[in-house]
Amino acid sequence: MWLSGLEDFTWEGTYSGCGLPFVNLGERCNIAGSRKFKRPIVEGEYVEVMDIARGQVKAGAHTIDINVDDGMIGGLAAIQMLVKMAVSKPDVAKIPLMIDPSKIVEDGLK
């Protein structure tokens, strides 16, 4: 598997030859599973959201799972803002973003 943020990520059953049989997904940018992420998304505090994403990179995530699918917010507007900010931050954009759920993937990629 070959993914790319600003830096390439290649996984061939082991990570960089280290023998790790998994990819570490940063799940803290998931509105369904993190209250610390949901609150700033609902309040439109995207600087705080970027701090959470940055923390995932520093903690060793190989990719960041972004999920803003929640009935309390406008998922389309939130994913567009979040991805635009993430790709403008080299310390976040260096790893690939995994946009979830599938119904907003196309809008997130735009």
PDB file of N, CA and C in Angstrom:
ATOM      1  N   MET A   1       0.855  -1.162   0.000  1.00  0.00           N
ATOM      2  CA  MET A   1       0.000   0.000   0.000  1.00  0.00           C
ATOM      3  C   MET A   1       0.903   1.227   0.000  1.00  0.00           C
ATOM      4  N   TRP A   2       0.571   2.188  -0.839  1.00  0.00           N
ATOM      5  CA  TRP A   2       1.358   3.413  -0.919  1.00  0.00           C
ATOM      6  C   TRP A   2       0.411   4.589  -0.760  1.00  0.00           C
ATOM      7  N   LEU A   3       0.632   5.373   0.269  1.00  0.00           N
ATOM      8  CA  LEU A   3      -0.173   6.549   0.556  1.00  0.00           C
ATOM      9  C   LEU A   3       0.752   7.749   0.604  1.00  0.00           C
ATOM     10  N   SER A   4       0.183   8.928   0.516  1.00  0.00           N
ATOM     11  CA  SER A   4       1.051  10.085   0.572  1.00  0.00           C
ATOM     12  C   SER A   4       0.359  11.273   1.193  1.00  0.00           C
ATOM     13  N   GLY A   5       1.040  11.869   2.141  1.00  0.00           N
ATOM     14  CA  GLY A   5       0.768  13.214   2.602  1.00  0.00           C
ATOM     15  C   GLY A   5       1.881  14.019   1.950  1.00  0.00           C
ATOM     16  N   LEU A   6       2.512  14.890   2.687  1.00  0.00           N
ATOM     17  CA  LEU A   6       3.699  15.554   2.149  1.00  0.00           C
ATOM     18  C   LEU A   6       4.867  14.584   2.092  1.00  0.00           C
ATOM     19  N   GLU A   7       4.793  13.527   2.900  1.00  0.00           N
ATOM     20  CA  GLU A   7       5.798  12.468   2.896  1.00  0.00           C
ATOM     21  C   GLU A   7       5.137  11.166   2.468  1.00  0.00           C
ATOM     22  N   ASP A   8       5.847  10.349   1.706  1.00  0.00           N
ATOM     23  CA  ASP A   8       5.327   9.042   1.296  1.00  0.00           C
ATOM     24  C   ASP A   8       5.178   8.124   2.498  1.00  0.00           C
ATOM     25  N   PHE A   9       4.201   7.258   2.423  1.00  0.00           N
ATOM     26  CA  PHE A   9       4.046   6.195   3.401  1.00  0.00           C
ATOM     27  C   PHE A   9       3.831   4.907   2.625  1.00  0.00           C
ATOM     28  N   THR A  10       4.737   3.975   2.772  1.00  0.00           N
ATOM     29  CA  THR A  10       4.631   2.680   2.092  1.00  0.00           C
ATOM     30  C   THR A  10       4.558   1.593   3.147  1.00  0.00           C
ATOM     31  N   TRP A  11       3.602   0.724   2.983  1.00  0.00           N
ATOM     32  CA  TRP A  11       3.434  -0.389   3.919  1.00  0.00           C
ATOM     33  C   TRP A  11       3.335  -1.667   3.112  1.00  0.00           C
ATOM     34  N   GLU A  12       4.201  -2.617   3.418  1.00  0.00           N
ATOM     35  CA  GLU A  12       4.236  -3.881   2.688  1.00  0.00           C
ATOM     36  C   GLU A  12       4.061  -5.054   3.640  1.00  0.00           C
ATOM     37  N   GLY A  13       3.215  -4.878   4.629  1.00  0.00           N
ATOM     38  CA  GLY A  13       3.037  -5.923   5.632  1.00  0.00           C
ATOM     39  C   GLY A  13       3.954  -5.690   6.824  1.00  0.00           C
ATOM     40  N   THR A  14       4.954  -4.866   6.627  1.00  0.00           N
ATOM     41  CA  THR A  14       5.800  -4.403   7.722  1.00  0.00           C
ATOM     42  C   THR A  14       6.009  -2.917   7.499  1.00  0.00           C
ATOM     43  N   TYR A  15       6.205  -2.174   8.537  1.00  0.00           N
ATOM     44  CA  TYR A  15       6.398  -0.739   8.406  1.00  0.00           C
ATOM     45  C   TYR A  15       7.882  -0.421   8.352  1.00  0.00           C
ATOM     46  N   SER A  16       8.330   0.081   7.232  1.00  0.00           N
ATOM     47  CA  SER A  16       9.728   0.482   7.020  1.00  0.00           C
ATOM     48  C   SER A  16      10.715  -0.604   7.416  1.00  0.00           C
ATOM     49  N   GLY A  17      10.314  -1.857   7.226  1.00  0.00           N
ATOM     50  CA  GLY A  17      11.209  -2.954   7.546  1.00  0.00           C
ATOM     51  C   GLY A  17      11.353  -3.215   9.029  1.00  0.00           C
ATOM     52  N   CYS A  18      10.573  -2.537   9.850  1.00  0.00           N
ATOM     53  CA  CYS A  18      10.687  -2.695  11.308  1.00  0.00           C
ATOM     54  C   CYS A  18       9.920  -3.903  11.823  1.00  0.00           C
ATOM     55  N   GLY A  19       9.152  -4.547  10.963  1.00  0.00           N
ATOM     56  CA  GLY A  19       8.413  -5.718  11.385  1.00  0.00           C
ATOM     57  C   GLY A  19       7.071  -5.420  12.027  1.00  0.00           C
ATOM     58  N   LEU A  20       6.617  -4.167  11.975  1.00  0.00           N
ATOM     59  CA  LEU A  20       5.310  -3.849  12.540  1.00  0.00           C
ATOM     60  C   LEU A  20       4.219  -4.316  11.588  1.00  0.00           C
ATOM     61  N   PRO A  21       3.343  -5.195  12.035  1.00  0.00           N
ATOM     62  CA  PRO A  21       2.322  -5.745  11.137  1.00  0.00           C
ATOM     63  C   PRO A  21       1.042  -4.907  11.079  1.00  0.00           C
ATOM     64  N   PHE A  22       1.137  -3.615  11.349  1.00  0.00           N
ATOM     65  CA  PHE A  22      -0.068  -2.792  11.372  1.00  0.00           C
ATOM     66  C   PHE A  22       0.257  -1.363  10.936  1.00  0.00           C
ATOM     67  N   VAL A  23      -0.804  -0.627  10.628  1.00  0.00           N
ATOM     68  CA  VAL A  23      -0.707   0.800  10.359  1.00  0.00           C
ATOM     69  C   VAL A  23      -1.391   1.491  11.518  1.00  0.00           C
ATOM     70  N   ASN A  24      -0.723   2.447  12.137  1.00  0.00           N
ATOM     71  CA  ASN A  24      -1.263   3.160  13.285  1.00  0.00           C
ATOM     72  C   ASN A  24      -2.145   4.308  12.796  1.00  0.00           C
ATOM     73  N   LEU A  25      -3.467   4.149  12.934  1.00  0.00           N
ATOM     74  CA  LEU A  25      -4.416   5.179  12.519  1.00  0.00           C
ATOM     75  C   LEU A  25      -4.661   6.133  13.677  1.00  0.00           C
ATOM     76  N   GLY A  26      -4.506   7.416  13.434  1.00  0.00           N
ATOM     77  CA  GLY A  26      -4.830   8.425  14.437  1.00  0.00           C
ATOM     78  C   GLY A  26      -6.336   8.606  14.479  1.00  0.00           C
ATOM     79  N   GLU A  27      -6.985   8.072  15.488  1.00  0.00           N
ATOM     80  CA  GLU A  27      -8.448   8.078  15.587  1.00  0.00           C
ATOM     81  C   GLU A  27      -9.007   9.224  16.418  1.00  0.00           C
ATOM     82  N   ARG A  28      -8.166  10.121  16.907  1.00  0.00           N
ATOM     83  CA  ARG A  28      -8.652  11.202  17.774  1.00  0.00           C
ATOM     84  C   ARG A  28      -9.364  12.315  17.014  1.00  0.00           C
ATOM     85  N   CYS A  29      -9.308  12.305  15.693  1.00  0.00           N
ATOM     86  CA  CYS A  29     -10.012  13.298  14.882  1.00  0.00           C
ATOM     87  C   CYS A  29     -11.316  12.717  14.359  1.00  0.00           C
ATOM     88  N   ASN A  30     -11.970  11.956  15.223  1.00  0.00           N
ATOM     89  CA  ASN A  30     -13.212  11.279  14.888  1.00  0.00           C
ATOM     90  C   ASN A  30     -14.283  11.768  15.847  1.00  0.00           C
ATOM     91  N   ILE A  31     -15.261  12.482  15.308  1.00  0.00           N
ATOM     92  CA  ILE A  31     -16.293  13.096  16.131  1.00  0.00           C
ATOM     93  C   ILE A  31     -17.136  12.065  16.889  1.00  0.00           C
ATOM     94  N   ALA A  32     -17.217  10.854  16.339  1.00  0.00           N
ATOM     95  CA  ALA A  32     -18.010   9.808  16.973  1.00  0.00           C
ATOM     96  C   ALA A  32     -17.297   9.179  18.165  1.00  0.00           C
ATOM     97  N   GLY A  33     -15.986   9.295  18.221  1.00  0.00           N
ATOM     98  CA  GLY A  33     -15.260   8.607  19.276  1.00  0.00           C
ATOM     99  C   GLY A  33     -14.451   9.489  20.206  1.00  0.00           C
ATOM    100  N   SER A  34     -14.509  10.803  20.020  1.00  0.00           N
ATOM    101  CA  SER A  34     -13.689  11.677  20.848  1.00  0.00           C
ATOM    102  C   SER A  34     -14.447  12.943  21.223  1.00  0.00           C
ATOM    103  N   ARG A  35     -14.773  13.081  22.491  1.00  0.00           N
ATOM    104  CA  ARG A  35     -15.426  14.309  22.970  1.00  0.00           C
ATOM    105  C   ARG A  35     -14.495  15.504  22.850  1.00  0.00           C
ATOM    106  N   LYS A  36     -13.193  15.267  23.040  1.00  0.00           N
ATOM    107  CA  LYS A  36     -12.216  16.357  22.929  1.00  0.00           C
ATOM    108  C   LYS A  36     -12.160  16.909  21.512  1.00  0.00           C
ATOM    109  N   PHE A  37     -12.510  16.106  20.537  1.00  0.00           N
ATOM    110  CA  PHE A  37     -12.549  16.547  19.144  1.00  0.00           C
ATOM    111  C   PHE A  37     -13.914  17.132  18.798  1.00  0.00           C
ATOM    112  N   LYS A  38     -14.970  16.533  19.309  1.00  0.00           N
ATOM    113  CA  LYS A  38     -16.326  16.964  18.966  1.00  0.00           C
ATOM    114  C   LYS A  38     -16.610  18.390  19.425  1.00  0.00           C
ATOM    115  N   ARG A  39     -16.235  18.724  20.648  1.00  0.00           N
ATOM    116  CA  ARG A  39     -16.544  20.050  21.178  1.00  0.00           C
ATOM    117  C   ARG A  39     -15.978  21.165  20.300  1.00  0.00           C
ATOM    118  N   PRO A  40     -14.673  21.164  19.964  1.00  0.00           N
ATOM    119  CA  PRO A  40     -14.181  22.263  19.128  1.00  0.00           C
ATOM    120  C   PRO A  40     -14.757  22.254  17.708  1.00  0.00           C
ATOM    121  N   ILE A  41     -15.104  21.094  17.189  1.00  0.00           N
ATOM    122  CA  ILE A  41     -15.747  21.050  15.866  1.00  0.00           C
ATOM    123  C   ILE A  41     -17.108  21.727  15.946  1.00  0.00           C
ATOM    124  N   VAL A  42     -17.908  21.367  16.935  1.00  0.00           N
ATOM    125  CA  VAL A  42     -19.243  21.952  17.099  1.00  0.00           C
ATOM    126  C   VAL A  42     -19.137  23.467  17.304  1.00  0.00           C
ATOM    127  N   GLU A  43     -18.112  23.904  18.049  1.00  0.00           N
ATOM    128  CA  GLU A  43     -17.939  25.326  18.344  1.00  0.00           C
ATOM    129  C   GLU A  43     -17.159  26.075  17.264  1.00  0.00           C
ATOM    130  N   GLY A  44     -16.703  25.365  16.235  1.00  0.00           N
ATOM    131  CA  GLY A  44     -15.957  26.002  15.155  1.00  0.00           C
ATOM    132  C   GLY A  44     -14.557  26.445  15.548  1.00  0.00           C
ATOM    133  N   GLU A  45     -13.984  25.816  16.539  1.00  0.00           N
ATOM    134  CA  GLU A  45     -12.640  26.144  17.028  1.00  0.00           C
ATOM    135  C   GLU A  45     -11.600  25.294  16.298  1.00  0.00           C
ATOM    136  N   TYR A  46     -11.356  25.615  15.037  1.00  0.00           N
ATOM    137  CA  TYR A  46     -10.504  24.776  14.209  1.00  0.00           C
ATOM    138  C   TYR A  46      -9.019  24.839  14.573  1.00  0.00           C
ATOM    139  N   VAL A  47      -8.591  25.901  15.241  1.00  0.00           N
ATOM    140  CA  VAL A  47      -7.206  25.942  15.708  1.00  0.00           C
ATOM    141  C   VAL A  47      -6.993  24.831  16.734  1.00  0.00           C
ATOM    142  N   GLU A  48      -7.943  24.648  17.625  1.00  0.00           N
ATOM    143  CA  GLU A  48      -7.870  23.568  18.614  1.00  0.00           C
ATOM    144  C   GLU A  48      -7.936  22.203  17.933  1.00  0.00           C
ATOM    145  N   VAL A  49      -8.736  22.096  16.892  1.00  0.00           N
ATOM    146  CA  VAL A  49      -8.838  20.855  16.129  1.00  0.00           C
ATOM    147  C   VAL A  49      -7.487  20.506  15.505  1.00  0.00           C
ATOM    148  N   MET A  50      -6.791  21.515  14.975  1.00  0.00           N
ATOM    149  CA  MET A  50      -5.468  21.271  14.384  1.00  0.00           C
ATOM    150  C   MET A  50      -4.466  20.842  15.451  1.00  0.00           C
ATOM    151  N   ASP A  51      -4.615  21.343  16.664  1.00  0.00           N
ATOM    152  CA  ASP A  51      -3.744  20.897  17.761  1.00  0.00           C
ATOM    153  C   ASP A  51      -3.948  19.411  18.041  1.00  0.00           C
ATOM    154  N   ILE A  52      -5.193  18.949  17.957  1.00  0.00           N
ATOM    155  CA  ILE A  52      -5.491  17.529  18.160  1.00  0.00           C
ATOM    156  C   ILE A  52      -4.858  16.701  17.046  1.00  0.00           C
ATOM    157  N   ALA A  53      -5.013  17.155  15.802  1.00  0.00           N
ATOM    158  CA  ALA A  53      -4.416  16.447  14.666  1.00  0.00           C
ATOM    159  C   ALA A  53      -2.893  16.426  14.781  1.00  0.00           C
ATOM    160  N   ARG A  54      -2.313  17.547  15.153  1.00  0.00           N
ATOM    161  CA  ARG A  54      -0.860  17.645  15.324  1.00  0.00           C
ATOM    162  C   ARG A  54      -0.383  16.660  16.399  1.00  0.00           C
ATOM    163  N   GLY A  55      -1.150  16.540  17.463  1.00  0.00           N
ATOM    164  CA  GLY A  55      -0.821  15.601  18.528  1.00  0.00           C
ATOM    165  C   GLY A  55      -0.831  14.160  18.045  1.00  0.00           C
ATOM    166  N   GLN A  56      -1.732  13.841  17.117  1.00  0.00           N
ATOM    167  CA  GLN A  56      -1.777  12.499  16.541  1.00  0.00           C
ATOM    168  C   GLN A  56      -0.508  12.196  15.764  1.00  0.00           C
ATOM    169  N   VAL A  57      -0.031  13.184  15.014  1.00  0.00           N
ATOM    170  CA  VAL A  57       1.203  13.004  14.245  1.00  0.00           C
ATOM    171  C   VAL A  57       2.376  12.806  15.202  1.00  0.00           C
ATOM    172  N   LYS A  58       2.463  13.659  16.217  1.00  0.00           N
ATOM    173  CA  LYS A  58       3.562  13.555  17.179  1.00  0.00           C
ATOM    174  C   LYS A  58       3.537  12.235  17.942  1.00  0.00           C
ATOM    175  N   ALA A  59       2.333  11.680  18.143  1.00  0.00           N
ATOM    176  CA  ALA A  59       2.198  10.415  18.873  1.00  0.00           C
ATOM    177  C   ALA A  59       2.529   9.200  18.006  1.00  0.00           C
ATOM    178  N   GLY A  60       2.800   9.425  16.713  1.00  0.00           N
ATOM    179  CA  GLY A  60       3.232   8.333  15.858  1.00  0.00           C
ATOM    180  C   GLY A  60       2.196   7.778  14.904  1.00  0.00           C
ATOM    181  N   ALA A  61       1.089   8.493  14.700  1.00  0.00           N
ATOM    182  CA  ALA A  61       0.093   8.021  13.735  1.00  0.00           C
ATOM    183  C   ALA A  61       0.701   7.983  12.340  1.00  0.00           C
ATOM    184  N   HIS A  62       0.371   6.952  11.578  1.00  0.00           N
ATOM    185  CA  HIS A  62       0.824   6.836  10.198  1.00  0.00           C
ATOM    186  C   HIS A  62      -0.157   7.527   9.257  1.00  0.00           C
ATOM    187  N   THR A  63      -1.404   7.669   9.678  1.00  0.00           N
ATOM    188  CA  THR A  63      -2.431   8.384   8.934  1.00  0.00           C
ATOM    189  C   THR A  63      -3.462   8.898   9.939  1.00  0.00           C
ATOM    190  N   ILE A  64      -4.180   9.963   9.578  1.00  0.00           N
ATOM    191  CA  ILE A  64      -5.189  10.535  10.470  1.00  0.00           C
ATOM    192  C   ILE A  64      -6.566  10.238   9.905  1.00  0.00           C
ATOM    193  N   ASP A  65      -7.399   9.613  10.719  1.00  0.00           N
ATOM    194  CA  ASP A  65      -8.786   9.340  10.363  1.00  0.00           C
ATOM    195  C   ASP A  65      -9.604  10.576  10.721  1.00  0.00           C
ATOM    196  N   ILE A  66     -10.205  11.211   9.718  1.00  0.00           N
ATOM    197  CA  ILE A  66     -11.033  12.392   9.950  1.00  0.00           C
ATOM    198  C   ILE A  66     -12.487  12.017   9.733  1.00  0.00           C
ATOM    199  N   ASN A  67     -13.292  12.163  10.797  1.00  0.00           N
ATOM    200  CA  ASN A  67     -14.721  11.853  10.712  1.00  0.00           C
ATOM    201  C   ASN A  67     -15.490  12.962  11.398  1.00  0.00           C
ATOM    202  N   VAL A  68     -16.315  13.673  10.643  1.00  0.00           N
ATOM    203  CA  VAL A  68     -17.148  14.743  11.197  1.00  0.00           C
ATOM    204  C   VAL A  68     -18.626  14.479  10.926  1.00  0.00           C
ATOM    205  N   ASP A  69     -18.987  13.218  10.790  1.00  0.00           N
ATOM    206  CA  ASP A  69     -20.374  12.848  10.501  1.00  0.00           C
ATOM    207  C   ASP A  69     -21.184  12.847  11.790  1.00  0.00           C
ATOM    208  N   ASP A  70     -21.958  13.904  11.991  1.00  0.00           N
ATOM    209  CA  ASP A  70     -22.776  14.037  13.192  1.00  0.00           C
ATOM    210  C   ASP A  70     -23.963  14.930  12.848  1.00  0.00           C
ATOM    211  N   GLY A  71     -25.127  14.579  13.337  1.00  0.00           N
ATOM    212  CA  GLY A  71     -26.329  15.348  13.043  1.00  0.00           C
ATOM    213  C   GLY A  71     -26.327  16.756  13.621  1.00  0.00           C
ATOM    214  N   MET A  72     -25.445  17.041  14.586  1.00  0.00           N
ATOM    215  CA  MET A  72     -25.442  18.343  15.237  1.00  0.00           C
ATOM    216  C   MET A  72     -24.639  19.393  14.466  1.00  0.00           C
ATOM    217  N   ILE A  73     -23.911  18.978  13.464  1.00  0.00           N
ATOM    218  CA  ILE A  73     -23.100  19.931  12.703  1.00  0.00           C
ATOM    219  C   ILE A  73     -23.327  19.728  11.219  1.00  0.00           C
ATOM    220  N   GLY A  74     -22.914  20.694  10.447  1.00  0.00           N
ATOM    221  CA  GLY A  74     -22.944  20.557   8.997  1.00  0.00           C
ATOM    222  C   GLY A  74     -21.692  19.824   8.566  1.00  0.00           C
ATOM    223  N   GLY A  75     -21.796  18.518   8.325  1.00  0.00           N
ATOM    224  CA  GLY A  75     -20.636  17.697   8.007  1.00  0.00           C
ATOM    225  C   GLY A  75     -19.876  18.164   6.782  1.00  0.00           C
ATOM    226  N   LEU A  76     -20.580  18.603   5.765  1.00  0.00           N
ATOM    227  CA  LEU A  76     -19.932  19.048   4.535  1.00  0.00           C
ATOM    228  C   LEU A  76     -19.047  20.262   4.803  1.00  0.00           C
ATOM    229  N   ALA A  77     -19.597  21.281   5.458  1.00  0.00           N
ATOM    230  CA  ALA A  77     -18.818  22.488   5.752  1.00  0.00           C
ATOM    231  C   ALA A  77     -17.654  22.168   6.679  1.00  0.00           C
ATOM    232  N   ALA A  78     -17.898  21.308   7.660  1.00  0.00           N
ATOM    233  CA  ALA A  78     -16.845  20.956   8.622  1.00  0.00           C
ATOM    234  C   ALA A  78     -15.707  20.203   7.952  1.00  0.00           C
ATOM    235  N   ILE A  79     -16.019  19.229   7.088  1.00  0.00           N
ATOM    236  CA  ILE A  79     -14.952  18.453   6.441  1.00  0.00           C
ATOM    237  C   ILE A  79     -14.152  19.346   5.489  1.00  0.00           C
ATOM    238  N   GLN A  80     -14.838  20.239   4.783  1.00  0.00           N
ATOM    239  CA  GLN A  80     -14.127  21.125   3.872  1.00  0.00           C
ATOM    240  C   GLN A  80     -13.177  22.045   4.629  1.00  0.00           C
ATOM    241  N   MET A  81     -13.629  22.630   5.723  1.00  0.00           N
ATOM    242  CA  MET A  81     -12.783  23.516   6.516  1.00  0.00           C
ATOM    243  C   MET A  81     -11.618  22.747   7.132  1.00  0.00           C
ATOM    244  N   LEU A  82     -11.915  21.584   7.675  1.00  0.00           N
ATOM    245  CA  LEU A  82     -10.893  20.789   8.352  1.00  0.00           C
ATOM    246  C   LEU A  82      -9.800  20.335   7.384  1.00  0.00           C
ATOM    247  N   VAL A  83     -10.177  19.840   6.236  1.00  0.00           N
ATOM    248  CA  VAL A  83      -9.180  19.370   5.265  1.00  0.00           C
ATOM    249  C   VAL A  83      -8.364  20.542   4.714  1.00  0.00           C
ATOM    250  N   LYS A  84      -9.012  21.668   4.434  1.00  0.00           N
ATOM    251  CA  LYS A  84      -8.273  22.839   3.947  1.00  0.00           C
ATOM    252  C   LYS A  84      -7.235  23.285   4.972  1.00  0.00           C
ATOM    253  N   MET A  85      -7.615  23.290   6.234  1.00  0.00           N
ATOM    254  CA  MET A  85      -6.659  23.688   7.270  1.00  0.00           C
ATOM    255  C   MET A  85      -5.551  22.649   7.415  1.00  0.00           C
ATOM    256  N   ALA A  86      -5.919  21.379   7.409  1.00  0.00           N
ATOM    257  CA  ALA A  86      -4.934  20.309   7.611  1.00  0.00           C
ATOM    258  C   ALA A  86      -3.868  20.314   6.521  1.00  0.00           C
ATOM    259  N   VAL A  87      -4.277  20.492   5.276  1.00  0.00           N
ATOM    260  CA  VAL A  87      -3.291  20.453   4.190  1.00  0.00           C
ATOM    261  C   VAL A  87      -2.412  21.701   4.163  1.00  0.00           C
ATOM    262  N   SER A  88      -2.812  22.741   4.884  1.00  0.00           N
ATOM    263  CA  SER A  88      -1.993  23.955   4.941  1.00  0.00           C
ATOM    264  C   SER A  88      -1.007  23.939   6.105  1.00  0.00           C
ATOM    265  N   LYS A  89      -1.052  22.894   6.921  1.00  0.00           N
ATOM    266  CA  LYS A  89      -0.156  22.761   8.072  1.00  0.00           C
ATOM    267  C   LYS A  89       0.830  21.630   7.796  1.00  0.00           C
ATOM    268  N   PRO A  90       2.076  21.940   7.444  1.00  0.00           N
ATOM    269  CA  PRO A  90       3.045  20.895   7.094  1.00  0.00           C
ATOM    270  C   PRO A  90       3.240  19.841   8.180  1.00  0.00           C
ATOM    271  N   ASP A  91       3.129  20.236   9.443  1.00  0.00           N
ATOM    272  CA  ASP A  91       3.322  19.259  10.517  1.00  0.00           C
ATOM    273  C   ASP A  91       2.134  18.311  10.660  1.00  0.00           C
ATOM    274  N   VAL A  92       1.004  18.635  10.055  1.00  0.00           N
ATOM    275  CA  VAL A  92      -0.167  17.742  10.021  1.00  0.00           C
ATOM    276  C   VAL A  92      -0.221  17.029   8.670  1.00  0.00           C
ATOM    277  N   ALA A  93      -0.022  17.780   7.593  1.00  0.00           N
ATOM    278  CA  ALA A  93      -0.178  17.252   6.231  1.00  0.00           C
ATOM    279  C   ALA A  93       0.936  16.304   5.822  1.00  0.00           C
ATOM    280  N   LYS A  94       1.960  16.147   6.659  1.00  0.00           N
ATOM    281  CA  LYS A  94       3.042  15.244   6.252  1.00  0.00           C
ATOM    282  C   LYS A  94       2.592  13.789   6.217  1.00  0.00           C
ATOM    283  N   ILE A  95       1.516  13.441   6.934  1.00  0.00           N
ATOM    284  CA  ILE A  95       0.981  12.083   6.849  1.00  0.00           C
ATOM    285  C   ILE A  95      -0.361  12.111   6.119  1.00  0.00           C
ATOM    286  N   PRO A  96      -0.774  11.000   5.537  1.00  0.00           N
ATOM    287  CA  PRO A  96      -2.031  10.959   4.788  1.00  0.00           C
ATOM    288  C   PRO A  96      -3.246  11.182   5.685  1.00  0.00           C
ATOM    289  N   LEU A  97      -4.283  11.755   5.098  1.00  0.00           N
ATOM    290  CA  LEU A  97      -5.574  11.931   5.757  1.00  0.00           C
ATOM    291  C   LEU A  97      -6.526  10.866   5.230  1.00  0.00           C
ATOM    292  N   MET A  98      -7.249  10.225   6.119  1.00  0.00           N
ATOM    293  CA  MET A  98      -8.255   9.243   5.740  1.00  0.00           C
ATOM    294  C   MET A  98      -9.607   9.866   6.046  1.00  0.00           C
ATOM    295  N   ILE A  99     -10.355  10.228   5.005  1.00  0.00           N
ATOM    296  CA  ILE A  99     -11.630  10.912   5.184  1.00  0.00           C
ATOM    297  C   ILE A  99     -12.732   9.878   5.336  1.00  0.00           C
ATOM    298  N   ASP A 100     -13.491  10.025   6.415  1.00  0.00           N
ATOM    299  CA  ASP A 100     -14.522   9.077   6.782  1.00  0.00           C
ATOM    300  C   ASP A 100     -15.739   9.882   7.225  1.00  0.00           C
ATOM    301  N   PRO A 101     -16.935   9.539   6.978  1.00  0.00           N
ATOM    302  CA  PRO A 101     -17.456   8.365   6.299  1.00  0.00           C
ATOM    303  C   PRO A 101     -17.506   8.560   4.791  1.00  0.00           C
ATOM    304  N   SER A 102     -17.821   7.488   4.120  1.00  0.00           N
ATOM    305  CA  SER A 102     -17.752   7.486   2.664  1.00  0.00           C
ATOM    306  C   SER A 102     -18.700   8.483   2.018  1.00  0.00           C
ATOM    307  N   LYS A 103     -19.802   8.833   2.657  1.00  0.00           N
ATOM    308  CA  LYS A 103     -20.751   9.731   1.985  1.00  0.00           C
ATOM    309  C   LYS A 103     -20.235  11.161   1.833  1.00  0.00           C
ATOM    310  N   ILE A 104     -19.160  11.523   2.562  1.00  0.00           N
ATOM    311  CA  ILE A 104     -18.591  12.859   2.376  1.00  0.00           C
ATOM    312  C   ILE A 104     -17.168  12.826   1.825  1.00  0.00           C
ATOM    313  N   VAL A 105     -16.696  11.653   1.429  1.00  0.00           N
ATOM    314  CA  VAL A 105     -15.340  11.540   0.891  1.00  0.00           C
ATOM    315  C   VAL A 105     -15.159  12.432  -0.325  1.00  0.00           C
ATOM    316  N   GLU A 106     -16.081  12.377  -1.261  1.00  0.00           N
ATOM    317  CA  GLU A 106     -15.952  13.174  -2.467  1.00  0.00           C
ATOM    318  C   GLU A 106     -15.873  14.662  -2.136  1.00  0.00           C
ATOM    319  N   ASP A 107     -16.724  15.122  -1.212  1.00  0.00           N
ATOM    320  CA  ASP A 107     -16.697  16.528  -0.827  1.00  0.00           C
ATOM    321  C   ASP A 107     -15.417  16.881  -0.089  1.00  0.00           C
ATOM    322  N   GLY A 108     -14.910  15.968   0.721  1.00  0.00           N
ATOM    323  CA  GLY A 108     -13.662  16.205   1.416  1.00  0.00           C
ATOM    324  C   GLY A 108     -12.481  16.304   0.481  1.00  0.00           C
ATOM    325  N   LEU A 109     -12.501  15.515  -0.582  1.00  0.00           N
ATOM    326  CA  LEU A 109     -11.408  15.547  -1.552  1.00  0.00           C
ATOM    327  C   LEU A 109     -11.437  16.798  -2.424  1.00  0.00           C
ATOM    328  N   LYS A 110     -12.607  17.384  -2.608  1.00  0.00           N
ATOM    329  CA  LYS A 110     -12.710  18.618  -3.396  1.00  0.00           C
ATOM    330  C   LYS A 110     -11.974  19.729  -2.690  1.00  0.00           C
TER     331      LYS A 110
END
